[in-house]
Amino acid sequence: MLHKIAHLARLEIKPEEEAELTRGLGEVLNWMEELTGVDTEGVEPLTHITGETNVWRGDIPKNDLTREEALELAPQRTDLYVKVPKVIE
């Protein structure tokens, strides 16, 4: 099971790490098994651990850079445009 999970997660496991990782994985699975026995009748599901919510800034368009300022920052440019490598044949 450890090697299948490692493969799916694209992890390389050294032989000397196998025993410790197998033990740790077993502990996690045992803990999850214990959780299945907890009575959750009447408990509302949580979407967040805390009551905090994100505060989003308004999406207000503004021009911080002029075209000339933006072109000055580009590594390659023409008089009006940023030059980029061709990606479509």
N, C-alpha and C. Protein backbone atom coordinates (compact mmCIF):
# COMPACT_ATOMS: atom_id res chain seq x y z
N MET A 1 0.82 -1.18 0.00
CA MET A 1 0.00 0.00 0.00
C MET A 1 0.88 1.26 0.00
N LEU A 2 1.96 1.23 0.75
CA LEU A 2 2.84 2.39 0.84
C LEU A 2 3.38 2.77 -0.52
N HIS A 3 3.81 1.78 -1.29
CA HIS A 3 4.39 2.08 -2.60
C HIS A 3 3.33 2.57 -3.58
N LYS A 4 2.11 2.08 -3.46
CA LYS A 4 1.04 2.57 -4.34
C LYS A 4 0.74 4.04 -4.04
N ILE A 5 0.66 4.40 -2.76
CA ILE A 5 0.41 5.79 -2.37
C ILE A 5 1.58 6.67 -2.81
N ALA A 6 2.80 6.18 -2.62
CA ALA A 6 3.98 6.94 -3.04
C ALA A 6 3.96 7.16 -4.55
N HIS A 7 3.57 6.14 -5.29
CA HIS A 7 3.49 6.29 -6.75
C HIS A 7 2.46 7.34 -7.14
N LEU A 8 1.29 7.27 -6.53
CA LEU A 8 0.23 8.23 -6.84
C LEU A 8 0.63 9.66 -6.47
N ALA A 9 1.40 9.81 -5.39
CA ALA A 9 1.83 11.12 -4.93
C ALA A 9 3.15 11.54 -5.58
N ARG A 10 3.66 10.71 -6.47
CA ARG A 10 4.93 10.96 -7.15
C ARG A 10 6.07 11.18 -6.15
N LEU A 11 6.13 10.30 -5.14
CA LEU A 11 7.17 10.38 -4.13
C LEU A 11 8.16 9.24 -4.32
N GLU A 12 9.41 9.52 -4.06
CA GLU A 12 10.43 8.48 -4.06
C GLU A 12 10.70 8.11 -2.61
N ILE A 13 10.61 6.83 -2.31
CA ILE A 13 10.84 6.36 -0.94
C ILE A 13 12.12 5.54 -0.92
N LYS A 14 13.02 5.92 -0.04
CA LYS A 14 14.27 5.17 0.12
C LYS A 14 13.97 3.94 0.98
N PRO A 15 14.67 2.85 0.75
CA PRO A 15 14.42 1.62 1.52
C PRO A 15 14.51 1.83 3.03
N GLU A 16 15.42 2.68 3.47
CA GLU A 16 15.56 2.91 4.91
C GLU A 16 14.41 3.72 5.50
N GLU A 17 13.59 4.34 4.65
CA GLU A 17 12.44 5.12 5.12
C GLU A 17 11.15 4.29 5.19
N GLU A 18 11.13 3.14 4.56
CA GLU A 18 9.91 2.35 4.43
C GLU A 18 9.29 1.98 5.78
N ALA A 19 10.09 1.50 6.70
CA ALA A 19 9.54 1.04 7.98
C ALA A 19 8.87 2.18 8.73
N GLU A 20 9.52 3.32 8.81
CA GLU A 20 8.96 4.47 9.53
C GLU A 20 7.71 5.00 8.84
N LEU A 21 7.73 5.08 7.53
CA LEU A 21 6.56 5.57 6.79
C LEU A 21 5.39 4.59 6.91
N THR A 22 5.66 3.30 6.87
CA THR A 22 4.61 2.29 7.03
C THR A 22 3.99 2.41 8.42
N ARG A 23 4.82 2.58 9.44
CA ARG A 23 4.31 2.72 10.81
C ARG A 23 3.44 3.98 10.91
N GLY A 24 3.93 5.11 10.36
CA GLY A 24 3.17 6.36 10.41
C GLY A 24 1.85 6.25 9.67
N LEU A 25 1.86 5.61 8.51
CA LEU A 25 0.64 5.41 7.74
C LEU A 25 -0.35 4.55 8.52
N GLY A 26 0.16 3.52 9.19
CA GLY A 26 -0.70 2.67 10.01
C GLY A 26 -1.35 3.45 11.14
N GLU A 27 -0.59 4.36 11.76
CA GLU A 27 -1.14 5.18 12.85
C GLU A 27 -2.27 6.08 12.34
N VAL A 28 -2.06 6.66 11.17
CA VAL A 28 -3.09 7.53 10.58
C VAL A 28 -4.35 6.72 10.28
N LEU A 29 -4.17 5.55 9.69
CA LEU A 29 -5.33 4.71 9.36
C LEU A 29 -6.06 4.24 10.62
N ASN A 30 -5.32 3.91 11.68
CA ASN A 30 -5.95 3.53 12.94
C ASN A 30 -6.75 4.69 13.54
N TRP A 31 -6.18 5.88 13.47
CA TRP A 31 -6.87 7.07 13.98
C TRP A 31 -8.15 7.32 13.19
N MET A 32 -8.07 7.16 11.87
CA MET A 32 -9.27 7.35 11.04
C MET A 32 -10.32 6.30 11.38
N GLU A 33 -9.90 5.10 11.66
CA GLU A 33 -10.83 4.04 12.05
C GLU A 33 -11.53 4.40 13.36
N GLU A 34 -10.79 4.99 14.30
CA GLU A 34 -11.39 5.44 15.56
C GLU A 34 -12.45 6.51 15.30
N LEU A 35 -12.17 7.40 14.36
CA LEU A 35 -13.11 8.48 14.05
C LEU A 35 -14.42 7.96 13.49
N THR A 36 -14.39 6.83 12.81
CA THR A 36 -15.64 6.30 12.26
C THR A 36 -16.60 5.87 13.36
N GLY A 37 -16.08 5.61 14.56
CA GLY A 37 -16.92 5.20 15.67
C GLY A 37 -17.50 6.36 16.47
N VAL A 38 -17.14 7.59 16.15
CA VAL A 38 -17.63 8.75 16.88
C VAL A 38 -19.06 9.07 16.45
N ASP A 39 -19.92 9.29 17.44
CA ASP A 39 -21.32 9.62 17.15
C ASP A 39 -21.41 11.07 16.72
N THR A 40 -21.79 11.31 15.47
CA THR A 40 -21.91 12.67 14.94
C THR A 40 -23.36 13.05 14.68
N GLU A 41 -24.27 12.32 15.26
CA GLU A 41 -25.70 12.61 15.08
C GLU A 41 -26.00 14.03 15.58
N GLY A 42 -26.60 14.84 14.73
CA GLY A 42 -26.99 16.19 15.10
C GLY A 42 -25.86 17.21 15.03
N VAL A 43 -24.68 16.81 14.59
CA VAL A 43 -23.55 17.75 14.48
C VAL A 43 -23.56 18.33 13.07
N GLU A 44 -23.60 19.65 12.99
CA GLU A 44 -23.60 20.31 11.69
C GLU A 44 -22.21 20.21 11.05
N PRO A 45 -22.14 19.91 9.77
CA PRO A 45 -20.83 19.85 9.09
C PRO A 45 -20.19 21.24 9.07
N LEU A 46 -18.87 21.26 9.17
CA LEU A 46 -18.12 22.51 9.12
C LEU A 46 -17.55 22.73 7.73
N THR A 47 -17.57 23.96 7.29
CA THR A 47 -16.84 24.29 6.07
C THR A 47 -15.55 25.01 6.43
N HIS A 48 -15.50 25.59 7.63
CA HIS A 48 -14.29 26.25 8.13
C HIS A 48 -14.16 25.94 9.62
N ILE A 49 -12.94 25.85 10.08
CA ILE A 49 -12.69 25.57 11.49
C ILE A 49 -13.03 26.79 12.34
N THR A 50 -12.72 27.97 11.84
CA THR A 50 -12.99 29.20 12.59
C THR A 50 -14.16 29.93 11.96
N GLY A 51 -14.64 30.95 12.62
CA GLY A 51 -15.73 31.75 12.07
C GLY A 51 -15.25 32.86 11.15
N GLU A 52 -13.94 32.91 10.90
CA GLU A 52 -13.39 33.97 10.06
C GLU A 52 -13.79 33.77 8.60
N THR A 53 -13.96 34.88 7.91
CA THR A 53 -14.26 34.82 6.48
C THR A 53 -13.28 35.72 5.74
N ASN A 54 -13.13 35.45 4.47
CA ASN A 54 -12.25 36.29 3.65
C ASN A 54 -12.89 37.67 3.45
N VAL A 55 -12.05 38.66 3.44
CA VAL A 55 -12.50 40.01 3.13
C VAL A 55 -11.90 40.35 1.77
N TRP A 56 -12.75 40.44 0.79
CA TRP A 56 -12.28 40.69 -0.57
C TRP A 56 -12.31 42.17 -0.86
N ARG A 57 -11.31 42.63 -1.56
CA ARG A 57 -11.31 44.02 -2.00
C ARG A 57 -12.21 44.13 -3.23
N GLY A 58 -12.69 45.30 -3.47
CA GLY A 58 -13.52 45.51 -4.65
C GLY A 58 -12.71 45.34 -5.92
N ASP A 59 -13.31 44.80 -6.93
CA ASP A 59 -12.63 44.60 -8.21
C ASP A 59 -12.82 45.86 -9.05
N ILE A 60 -11.99 46.83 -8.76
CA ILE A 60 -12.10 48.12 -9.43
C ILE A 60 -10.93 48.27 -10.39
N PRO A 61 -11.21 48.35 -11.70
CA PRO A 61 -10.11 48.49 -12.65
C PRO A 61 -9.43 49.85 -12.51
N LYS A 62 -8.12 49.83 -12.63
CA LYS A 62 -7.37 51.09 -12.61
C LYS A 62 -6.08 50.87 -13.38
N ASN A 63 -5.58 51.92 -13.95
CA ASN A 63 -4.35 51.85 -14.73
C ASN A 63 -3.21 52.39 -13.89
N ASP A 64 -2.41 51.47 -13.34
CA ASP A 64 -1.27 51.88 -12.56
C ASP A 64 -0.06 52.18 -13.43
N LEU A 65 0.02 51.47 -14.56
CA LEU A 65 1.15 51.67 -15.47
C LEU A 65 0.66 52.21 -16.80
N THR A 66 1.42 53.10 -17.34
CA THR A 66 1.14 53.53 -18.71
C THR A 66 1.72 52.48 -19.65
N ARG A 67 1.34 52.52 -20.90
CA ARG A 67 1.89 51.58 -21.87
C ARG A 67 3.41 51.71 -21.93
N GLU A 68 3.90 52.92 -21.91
CA GLU A 68 5.34 53.15 -21.99
C GLU A 68 6.07 52.55 -20.78
N GLU A 69 5.49 52.73 -19.59
CA GLU A 69 6.10 52.17 -18.38
C GLU A 69 6.12 50.64 -18.42
N ALA A 70 5.02 50.05 -18.91
CA ALA A 70 4.96 48.60 -19.01
C ALA A 70 5.97 48.07 -20.02
N LEU A 71 6.10 48.76 -21.16
CA LEU A 71 7.05 48.34 -22.18
C LEU A 71 8.49 48.46 -21.69
N GLU A 72 8.76 49.43 -20.85
CA GLU A 72 10.11 49.59 -20.30
C GLU A 72 10.49 48.38 -19.43
N LEU A 73 9.51 47.73 -18.83
CA LEU A 73 9.78 46.59 -17.96
C LEU A 73 9.94 45.29 -18.74
N ALA A 74 9.50 45.26 -19.99
CA ALA A 74 9.55 44.03 -20.79
C ALA A 74 10.97 43.74 -21.25
N PRO A 75 11.39 42.46 -21.21
CA PRO A 75 12.74 42.13 -21.66
C PRO A 75 12.93 42.33 -23.16
N GLN A 76 11.86 42.11 -23.95
CA GLN A 76 11.91 42.36 -25.39
C GLN A 76 10.64 43.08 -25.78
N ARG A 77 10.77 44.04 -26.67
CA ARG A 77 9.60 44.83 -27.05
C ARG A 77 9.81 45.47 -28.41
N THR A 78 8.68 45.91 -28.97
CA THR A 78 8.71 46.76 -30.15
C THR A 78 8.27 48.14 -29.68
N ASP A 79 7.93 48.99 -30.61
CA ASP A 79 7.48 50.33 -30.21
C ASP A 79 6.15 50.28 -29.45
N LEU A 80 5.29 49.30 -29.79
CA LEU A 80 3.96 49.26 -29.19
C LEU A 80 3.65 48.00 -28.40
N TYR A 81 4.44 46.91 -28.58
CA TYR A 81 4.05 45.63 -28.00
C TYR A 81 5.23 44.95 -27.29
N VAL A 82 4.86 44.04 -26.37
CA VAL A 82 5.85 43.16 -25.75
C VAL A 82 6.07 41.99 -26.70
N LYS A 83 7.32 41.64 -26.95
CA LYS A 83 7.64 40.51 -27.82
C LYS A 83 7.78 39.26 -26.96
N VAL A 84 7.12 38.18 -27.40
CA VAL A 84 7.20 36.90 -26.69
C VAL A 84 7.58 35.82 -27.68
N PRO A 85 8.11 34.71 -27.18
CA PRO A 85 8.46 33.61 -28.11
C PRO A 85 7.22 33.03 -28.77
N LYS A 86 7.38 32.59 -30.00
CA LYS A 86 6.30 31.95 -30.73
C LYS A 86 5.99 30.60 -30.11
N VAL A 87 4.72 30.34 -29.82
CA VAL A 87 4.34 29.07 -29.19
C VAL A 87 3.42 28.24 -30.08
N ILE A 88 2.95 28.79 -31.17
CA ILE A 88 2.06 28.07 -32.08
C ILE A 88 2.78 27.97 -33.42
N GLU A 89 2.81 26.76 -33.95
CA GLU A 89 3.47 26.55 -35.26
C GLU A 89 2.59 27.04 -36.37
